[in-house]
Amino acid sequence: MTDTDAHQLGPDRSGEKWISTAVTALLFAILIGLCVILVIRAMQPPTQQSHPWVGSKLTDVDFTPLLNADQPITAASLQGQVTLINFWGPWCPPCLMELPGLVRLSRDLEKEGADFQFVAVSCSRDAVNGRENVQQLTGESADILQKINIIGLPVYADAAGAARTELNSIATFRAYPTTLLIDRNGVVTRVWEGAFDMDVFRDAVELELSKG
């Protein structure tokens, strides 16, 4: 038997090589798929956890008008329309980053004729026992809104701290900005602590509006 004959009679391993290549390609595809899933999940915002304030009906609401408003906002004002209440401060950088987007959202919904109201509640950093120095807060709010080019926004104060005290009795009021979504019955349905992207607020507001 010649060397050529021995080569021709040896085992044919081409099939094994094809299977090995196919398995490698399959494992690589699975690995790429897992990486894509992990990236997509990392880009998604965290799931909104239920907050202790959710389900509570606000009763101690008496927001004093500071700028571009004449009438106070009371608990009765929260009935019959969806309300987004934003507690912010002229001294608070995250608040000032978030506020312009909230103003644009509220004005867009106003143009659409939605039964919606946005209530911007300005808060000082050093309120004494929850009570605000209304005159000082008015000046500080007007100055900062001019600097960030927000014109004509109605601004209120929780002058006696009543609303924040009521919320604090349920769970600690921890951060600025804090934003509450209130349904047409005056009940808190969502809570955001810290600054968020406008799409988060828009989606939540539109969902609440759709309930009719």
C-alpha atoms as a PDB file:
ATOM      1  CA  MET A   1       0.000   0.000   0.000  1.00  0.00           C
ATOM      2  CA  THR A   2       1.431   3.301  -1.013  1.00  0.00           C
ATOM      3  CA  ASP A   3       1.476   6.447   1.079  1.00  0.00           C
ATOM      4  CA  THR A   4      -1.161   7.865  -1.237  1.00  0.00           C
ATOM      5  CA  ASP A   5      -3.422   4.900  -0.578  1.00  0.00           C
ATOM      6  CA  ALA A   6      -2.988   5.290   3.204  1.00  0.00           C
ATOM      7  CA  HIS A   7      -3.975   8.926   2.994  1.00  0.00           C
ATOM      8  CA  GLN A   8      -7.060   8.147   0.971  1.00  0.00           C
ATOM      9  CA  LEU A   9      -8.152   5.360   3.345  1.00  0.00           C
ATOM     10  CA  GLY A  10      -7.733   7.479   6.556  1.00  0.00           C
ATOM     11  CA  PRO A  11     -10.777   8.795   8.436  1.00  0.00           C
ATOM     12  CA  ASP A  12     -12.596  11.707   6.820  1.00  0.00           C
ATOM     13  CA  ARG A  13     -12.735  14.494   9.452  1.00  0.00           C
ATOM     14  CA  SER A  14     -14.347  17.186   7.290  1.00  0.00           C
ATOM     15  CA  GLY A  15     -17.740  16.574   8.911  1.00  0.00           C
ATOM     16  CA  GLU A  16     -16.307  17.009  12.405  1.00  0.00           C
ATOM     17  CA  LYS A  17     -14.683  20.291  11.392  1.00  0.00           C
ATOM     18  CA  TRP A  18     -18.012  21.573  10.024  1.00  0.00           C
ATOM     19  CA  ILE A  19     -19.822  20.673  13.265  1.00  0.00           C
ATOM     20  CA  SER A  20     -17.124  22.359  15.358  1.00  0.00           C
ATOM     21  CA  THR A  21     -17.345  25.516  13.251  1.00  0.00           C
ATOM     22  CA  ALA A  22     -21.158  25.563  13.482  1.00  0.00           C
ATOM     23  CA  VAL A  23     -21.105  25.124  17.280  1.00  0.00           C
ATOM     24  CA  THR A  24     -18.564  27.929  17.645  1.00  0.00           C
ATOM     25  CA  ALA A  25     -20.659  30.242  15.481  1.00  0.00           C
ATOM     26  CA  LEU A  26     -23.795  29.391  17.478  1.00  0.00           C
ATOM     27  CA  LEU A  27     -22.098  30.086  20.813  1.00  0.00           C
ATOM     28  CA  PHE A  28     -20.755  33.372  19.462  1.00  0.00           C
ATOM     29  CA  ALA A  29     -24.237  34.400  18.295  1.00  0.00           C
ATOM     30  CA  ILE A  30     -25.698  33.559  21.714  1.00  0.00           C
ATOM     31  CA  LEU A  31     -22.986  35.591  23.416  1.00  0.00           C
ATOM     32  CA  ILE A  32     -23.677  38.598  21.161  1.00  0.00           C
ATOM     33  CA  GLY A  33     -27.411  38.284  21.872  1.00  0.00           C
ATOM     34  CA  LEU A  34     -26.844  38.263  25.624  1.00  0.00           C
ATOM     35  CA  CYS A  35     -24.629  41.342  25.347  1.00  0.00           C
ATOM     36  CA  VAL A  36     -27.337  43.189  23.385  1.00  0.00           C
ATOM     37  CA  ILE A  37     -29.963  42.302  26.014  1.00  0.00           C
ATOM     38  CA  LEU A  38     -27.712  43.523  28.828  1.00  0.00           C
ATOM     39  CA  VAL A  39     -27.047  46.812  27.017  1.00  0.00           C
ATOM     40  CA  ILE A  40     -30.766  47.393  26.389  1.00  0.00           C
ATOM     41  CA  ARG A  41     -31.596  46.696  30.032  1.00  0.00           C
ATOM     42  CA  ALA A  42     -28.841  49.029  31.208  1.00  0.00           C
ATOM     43  CA  MET A  43     -30.300  51.844  29.066  1.00  0.00           C
ATOM     44  CA  GLN A  44     -33.797  51.464  30.490  1.00  0.00           C
ATOM     45  CA  PRO A  45     -34.790  53.637  33.489  1.00  0.00           C
ATOM     46  CA  PRO A  46     -35.221  51.860  36.814  1.00  0.00           C
ATOM     47  CA  THR A  47     -38.672  50.493  37.556  1.00  0.00           C
ATOM     48  CA  GLN A  48     -40.756  52.928  39.554  1.00  0.00           C
ATOM     49  CA  GLN A  49     -41.161  51.455  43.014  1.00  0.00           C
ATOM     50  CA  SER A  50     -44.289  52.154  45.027  1.00  0.00           C
ATOM     51  CA  HIS A  51     -43.757  55.089  47.383  1.00  0.00           C
ATOM     52  CA  PRO A  52     -45.466  55.353  50.793  1.00  0.00           C
ATOM     53  CA  TRP A  53     -47.194  58.539  49.644  1.00  0.00           C
ATOM     54  CA  VAL A  54     -48.904  56.748  46.743  1.00  0.00           C
ATOM     55  CA  GLY A  55     -52.598  56.258  47.522  1.00  0.00           C
ATOM     56  CA  SER A  56     -52.733  59.178  49.964  1.00  0.00           C
ATOM     57  CA  LYS A  57     -55.224  61.968  49.447  1.00  0.00           C
ATOM     58  CA  LEU A  58     -53.727  65.407  50.024  1.00  0.00           C
ATOM     59  CA  THR A  59     -55.891  67.467  52.366  1.00  0.00           C
ATOM     60  CA  ASP A  60     -53.519  70.077  53.858  1.00  0.00           C
ATOM     61  CA  VAL A  61     -52.821  71.942  50.648  1.00  0.00           C
ATOM     62  CA  ASP A  62     -52.661  75.734  50.784  1.00  0.00           C
ATOM     63  CA  PHE A  63     -50.101  77.010  48.302  1.00  0.00           C
ATOM     64  CA  THR A  64     -49.618  80.774  48.442  1.00  0.00           C
ATOM     65  CA  PRO A  65     -49.167  82.546  45.081  1.00  0.00           C
ATOM     66  CA  LEU A  66     -45.676  84.015  44.655  1.00  0.00           C
ATOM     67  CA  LEU A  67     -45.369  84.905  40.978  1.00  0.00           C
ATOM     68  CA  ASN A  68     -47.806  85.197  38.054  1.00  0.00           C
ATOM     69  CA  ALA A  69     -50.759  83.916  40.081  1.00  0.00           C
ATOM     70  CA  ASP A  70     -53.505  85.531  42.129  1.00  0.00           C
ATOM     71  CA  GLN A  71     -55.374  82.662  43.735  1.00  0.00           C
ATOM     72  CA  PRO A  72     -53.986  80.048  46.131  1.00  0.00           C
ATOM     73  CA  ILE A  73     -53.969  76.347  45.310  1.00  0.00           C
ATOM     74  CA  THR A  74     -55.970  74.349  47.844  1.00  0.00           C
ATOM     75  CA  ALA A  75     -57.094  70.741  48.172  1.00  0.00           C
ATOM     76  CA  ALA A  76     -60.270  71.718  46.311  1.00  0.00           C
ATOM     77  CA  SER A  77     -58.111  72.901  43.390  1.00  0.00           C
ATOM     78  CA  LEU A  78     -56.856  69.345  42.929  1.00  0.00           C
ATOM     79  CA  GLN A  79     -60.311  67.951  42.204  1.00  0.00           C
ATOM     80  CA  GLY A  80     -61.433  67.207  38.664  1.00  0.00           C
ATOM     81  CA  GLN A  81     -58.110  67.450  36.849  1.00  0.00           C
ATOM     82  CA  VAL A  82     -54.772  65.723  36.747  1.00  0.00           C
ATOM     83  CA  THR A  83     -52.103  67.693  38.636  1.00  0.00           C
ATOM     84  CA  LEU A  84     -48.323  67.559  38.632  1.00  0.00           C
ATOM     85  CA  ILE A  85     -46.856  69.223  41.743  1.00  0.00           C
ATOM     86  CA  ASN A  86     -43.139  69.992  41.624  1.00  0.00           C
ATOM     87  CA  PHE A  87     -41.388  70.999  44.846  1.00  0.00           C
ATOM     88  CA  TRP A  88     -38.233  72.803  43.746  1.00  0.00           C
ATOM     89  CA  GLY A  89     -35.797  75.370  45.087  1.00  0.00           C
ATOM     90  CA  PRO A  90     -34.050  78.410  43.548  1.00  0.00           C
ATOM     91  CA  TRP A  91     -30.852  77.136  45.246  1.00  0.00           C
ATOM     92  CA  CYS A  92     -31.126  73.577  43.834  1.00  0.00           C
ATOM     93  CA  PRO A  93     -29.147  72.799  40.603  1.00  0.00           C
ATOM     94  CA  PRO A  94     -31.040  69.557  39.765  1.00  0.00           C
ATOM     95  CA  CYS A  95     -34.314  71.453  40.189  1.00  0.00           C
ATOM     96  CA  LEU A  96     -33.197  74.135  37.761  1.00  0.00           C
ATOM     97  CA  MET A  97     -32.112  71.510  35.225  1.00  0.00           C
ATOM     98  CA  GLU A  98     -35.491  69.763  35.394  1.00  0.00           C
ATOM     99  CA  LEU A  99     -37.868  72.728  35.657  1.00  0.00           C
ATOM    100  CA  PRO A 100     -37.665  74.046  32.053  1.00  0.00           C
ATOM    101  CA  GLY A 101     -38.699  70.646  30.704  1.00  0.00           C
ATOM    102  CA  LEU A 102     -41.641  70.467  33.090  1.00  0.00           C
ATOM    103  CA  VAL A 103     -42.748  73.928  31.971  1.00  0.00           C
ATOM    104  CA  ARG A 104     -42.579  72.869  28.295  1.00  0.00           C
ATOM    105  CA  LEU A 105     -44.552  69.710  29.088  1.00  0.00           C
ATOM    106  CA  SER A 106     -47.249  71.646  30.919  1.00  0.00           C
ATOM    107  CA  ARG A 107     -47.581  74.188  28.103  1.00  0.00           C
ATOM    108  CA  ASP A 108     -47.775  71.440  25.483  1.00  0.00           C
ATOM    109  CA  LEU A 109     -50.599  69.772  27.409  1.00  0.00           C
ATOM    110  CA  GLU A 110     -52.311  73.136  27.855  1.00  0.00           C
ATOM    111  CA  LYS A 111     -52.270  73.642  24.065  1.00  0.00           C
ATOM    112  CA  GLU A 112     -53.792  70.195  23.645  1.00  0.00           C
ATOM    113  CA  GLY A 113     -56.650  71.185  25.950  1.00  0.00           C
ATOM    114  CA  ALA A 114     -55.935  68.477  28.505  1.00  0.00           C
ATOM    115  CA  ASP A 115     -57.582  68.736  31.926  1.00  0.00           C
ATOM    116  CA  PHE A 116     -54.175  69.095  33.499  1.00  0.00           C
ATOM    117  CA  GLN A 117     -52.405  71.608  35.716  1.00  0.00           C
ATOM    118  CA  PHE A 118     -48.779  72.050  36.694  1.00  0.00           C
ATOM    119  CA  VAL A 119     -48.085  73.508  40.137  1.00  0.00           C
ATOM    120  CA  ALA A 120     -44.530  74.740  40.739  1.00  0.00           C
ATOM    121  CA  VAL A 121     -43.923  75.091  44.485  1.00  0.00           C
ATOM    122  CA  SER A 122     -40.772  77.051  45.303  1.00  0.00           C
ATOM    123  CA  CYS A 123     -39.066  76.052  48.558  1.00  0.00           C
ATOM    124  CA  SER A 124     -36.215  77.635  50.492  1.00  0.00           C
ATOM    125  CA  ARG A 125     -33.323  75.610  51.858  1.00  0.00           C
ATOM    126  CA  ASP A 126     -33.643  77.047  55.371  1.00  0.00           C
ATOM    127  CA  ALA A 127     -37.381  77.252  56.105  1.00  0.00           C
ATOM    128  CA  VAL A 128     -37.913  77.588  59.881  1.00  0.00           C
ATOM    129  CA  ASN A 129     -40.190  74.801  61.137  1.00  0.00           C
ATOM    130  CA  GLY A 130     -41.456  74.431  57.588  1.00  0.00           C
ATOM    131  CA  ARG A 131     -42.475  78.098  57.370  1.00  0.00           C
ATOM    132  CA  GLU A 132     -41.202  80.118  54.443  1.00  0.00           C
ATOM    133  CA  ASN A 133     -40.016  83.710  54.335  1.00  0.00           C
ATOM    134  CA  VAL A 134     -42.416  84.501  51.506  1.00  0.00           C
ATOM    135  CA  GLN A 135     -40.946  87.876  50.592  1.00  0.00           C
ATOM    136  CA  GLN A 136     -37.406  86.518  50.362  1.00  0.00           C
ATOM    137  CA  LEU A 137     -38.517  83.402  48.495  1.00  0.00           C
ATOM    138  CA  THR A 138     -40.443  85.514  45.986  1.00  0.00           C
ATOM    139  CA  GLY A 139     -37.349  87.566  45.148  1.00  0.00           C
ATOM    140  CA  GLU A 140     -35.067  84.533  44.893  1.00  0.00           C
ATOM    141  CA  SER A 141     -37.558  82.674  42.682  1.00  0.00           C
ATOM    142  CA  ALA A 142     -38.037  85.646  40.358  1.00  0.00           C
ATOM    143  CA  ASP A 143     -34.279  86.151  40.001  1.00  0.00           C
ATOM    144  CA  ILE A 144     -33.457  82.538  39.154  1.00  0.00           C
ATOM    145  CA  LEU A 145     -36.380  82.113  36.738  1.00  0.00           C
ATOM    146  CA  GLN A 146     -35.190  85.168  34.844  1.00  0.00           C
ATOM    147  CA  LYS A 147     -31.686  83.703  34.658  1.00  0.00           C
ATOM    148  CA  ILE A 148     -32.923  80.395  33.228  1.00  0.00           C
ATOM    149  CA  ASN A 149     -35.338  82.203  30.906  1.00  0.00           C
ATOM    150  CA  ILE A 150     -38.631  80.905  32.268  1.00  0.00           C
ATOM    151  CA  ILE A 151     -41.208  83.615  31.676  1.00  0.00           C
ATOM    152  CA  GLY A 152     -44.741  83.820  33.053  1.00  0.00           C
ATOM    153  CA  LEU A 153     -44.712  80.618  35.109  1.00  0.00           C
ATOM    154  CA  PRO A 154     -47.179  80.675  38.024  1.00  0.00           C
ATOM    155  CA  VAL A 155     -45.149  79.927  41.142  1.00  0.00           C
ATOM    156  CA  TYR A 156     -46.454  79.080  44.604  1.00  0.00           C
ATOM    157  CA  ALA A 157     -45.085  78.530  48.096  1.00  0.00           C
ATOM    158  CA  ASP A 158     -45.982  75.996  50.754  1.00  0.00           C
ATOM    159  CA  ALA A 159     -45.810  79.013  53.045  1.00  0.00           C
ATOM    160  CA  ALA A 160     -46.726  77.304  56.314  1.00  0.00           C
ATOM    161  CA  GLY A 161     -45.198  73.992  55.274  1.00  0.00           C
ATOM    162  CA  ALA A 162     -48.570  72.277  55.626  1.00  0.00           C
ATOM    163  CA  ALA A 163     -48.363  70.054  52.534  1.00  0.00           C
ATOM    164  CA  ARG A 164     -44.804  68.944  53.246  1.00  0.00           C
ATOM    165  CA  THR A 165     -45.702  68.314  56.892  1.00  0.00           C
ATOM    166  CA  GLU A 166     -48.623  66.130  55.812  1.00  0.00           C
ATOM    167  CA  LEU A 167     -46.402  64.158  53.434  1.00  0.00           C
ATOM    168  CA  ASN A 168     -43.652  63.929  56.038  1.00  0.00           C
ATOM    169  CA  SER A 169     -46.095  62.374  58.497  1.00  0.00           C
ATOM    170  CA  ILE A 170     -46.454  59.446  56.084  1.00  0.00           C
ATOM    171  CA  ALA A 171     -42.830  59.128  54.974  1.00  0.00           C
ATOM    172  CA  THR A 172     -39.804  61.409  55.142  1.00  0.00           C
ATOM    173  CA  PHE A 173     -39.658  64.218  52.609  1.00  0.00           C
ATOM    174  CA  ARG A 174     -36.122  63.486  51.478  1.00  0.00           C
ATOM    175  CA  ALA A 175     -35.043  65.494  48.460  1.00  0.00           C
ATOM    176  CA  TYR A 176     -35.485  68.344  46.019  1.00  0.00           C
ATOM    177  CA  PRO A 177     -36.829  68.241  43.434  1.00  0.00           C
ATOM    178  CA  THR A 178     -39.747  66.050  44.460  1.00  0.00           C
ATOM    179  CA  THR A 179     -42.648  65.689  42.038  1.00  0.00           C
ATOM    180  CA  LEU A 180     -46.100  64.245  42.706  1.00  0.00           C
ATOM    181  CA  LEU A 181     -48.704  63.136  40.183  1.00  0.00           C
ATOM    182  CA  ILE A 182     -52.213  63.650  41.541  1.00  0.00           C
ATOM    183  CA  ASP A 183     -55.307  62.081  39.988  1.00  0.00           C
ATOM    184  CA  ARG A 184     -58.663  63.779  39.471  1.00  0.00           C
ATOM    185  CA  ASN A 185     -59.739  62.823  43.003  1.00  0.00           C
ATOM    186  CA  GLY A 186     -56.744  64.453  44.660  1.00  0.00           C
ATOM    187  CA  VAL A 187     -54.957  61.157  45.324  1.00  0.00           C
ATOM    188  CA  VAL A 188     -51.203  60.726  44.850  1.00  0.00           C
ATOM    189  CA  THR A 189     -50.541  58.161  42.108  1.00  0.00           C
ATOM    190  CA  ARG A 190     -46.816  58.629  41.402  1.00  0.00           C
ATOM    191  CA  VAL A 191     -43.811  60.088  43.212  1.00  0.00           C
ATOM    192  CA  TRP A 192     -40.417  61.048  41.788  1.00  0.00           C
ATOM    193  CA  GLU A 193     -37.565  62.047  44.099  1.00  0.00           C
ATOM    194  CA  GLY A 194     -34.778  63.764  42.212  1.00  0.00           C
ATOM    195  CA  ALA A 195     -34.613  64.997  38.620  1.00  0.00           C
ATOM    196  CA  PHE A 196     -35.994  62.823  35.804  1.00  0.00           C
ATOM    197  CA  ASP A 197     -36.224  62.852  32.021  1.00  0.00           C
ATOM    198  CA  MET A 198     -39.351  64.499  30.611  1.00  0.00           C
ATOM    199  CA  ASP A 199     -40.472  61.321  28.843  1.00  0.00           C
ATOM    200  CA  VAL A 200     -40.950  59.710  32.255  1.00  0.00           C
ATOM    201  CA  PHE A 201     -43.321  62.481  33.325  1.00  0.00           C
ATOM    202  CA  ARG A 202     -45.109  62.672  29.970  1.00  0.00           C
ATOM    203  CA  ASP A 203     -45.830  58.944  29.877  1.00  0.00           C
ATOM    204  CA  ALA A 204     -47.173  58.959  33.440  1.00  0.00           C
ATOM    205  CA  VAL A 205     -49.324  62.062  32.908  1.00  0.00           C
ATOM    206  CA  GLU A 206     -50.763  60.807  29.616  1.00  0.00           C
ATOM    207  CA  LEU A 207     -51.590  57.465  31.239  1.00  0.00           C
ATOM    208  CA  GLU A 208     -53.433  59.237  34.050  1.00  0.00           C
ATOM    209  CA  LEU A 209     -55.262  61.500  31.594  1.00  0.00           C
ATOM    210  CA  SER A 210     -56.386  58.466  29.586  1.00  0.00           C
ATOM    211  CA  LYS A 211     -58.315  57.161  32.586  1.00  0.00           C
ATOM    212  CA  GLY A 212     -60.930  59.869  31.999  1.00  0.00           C
END
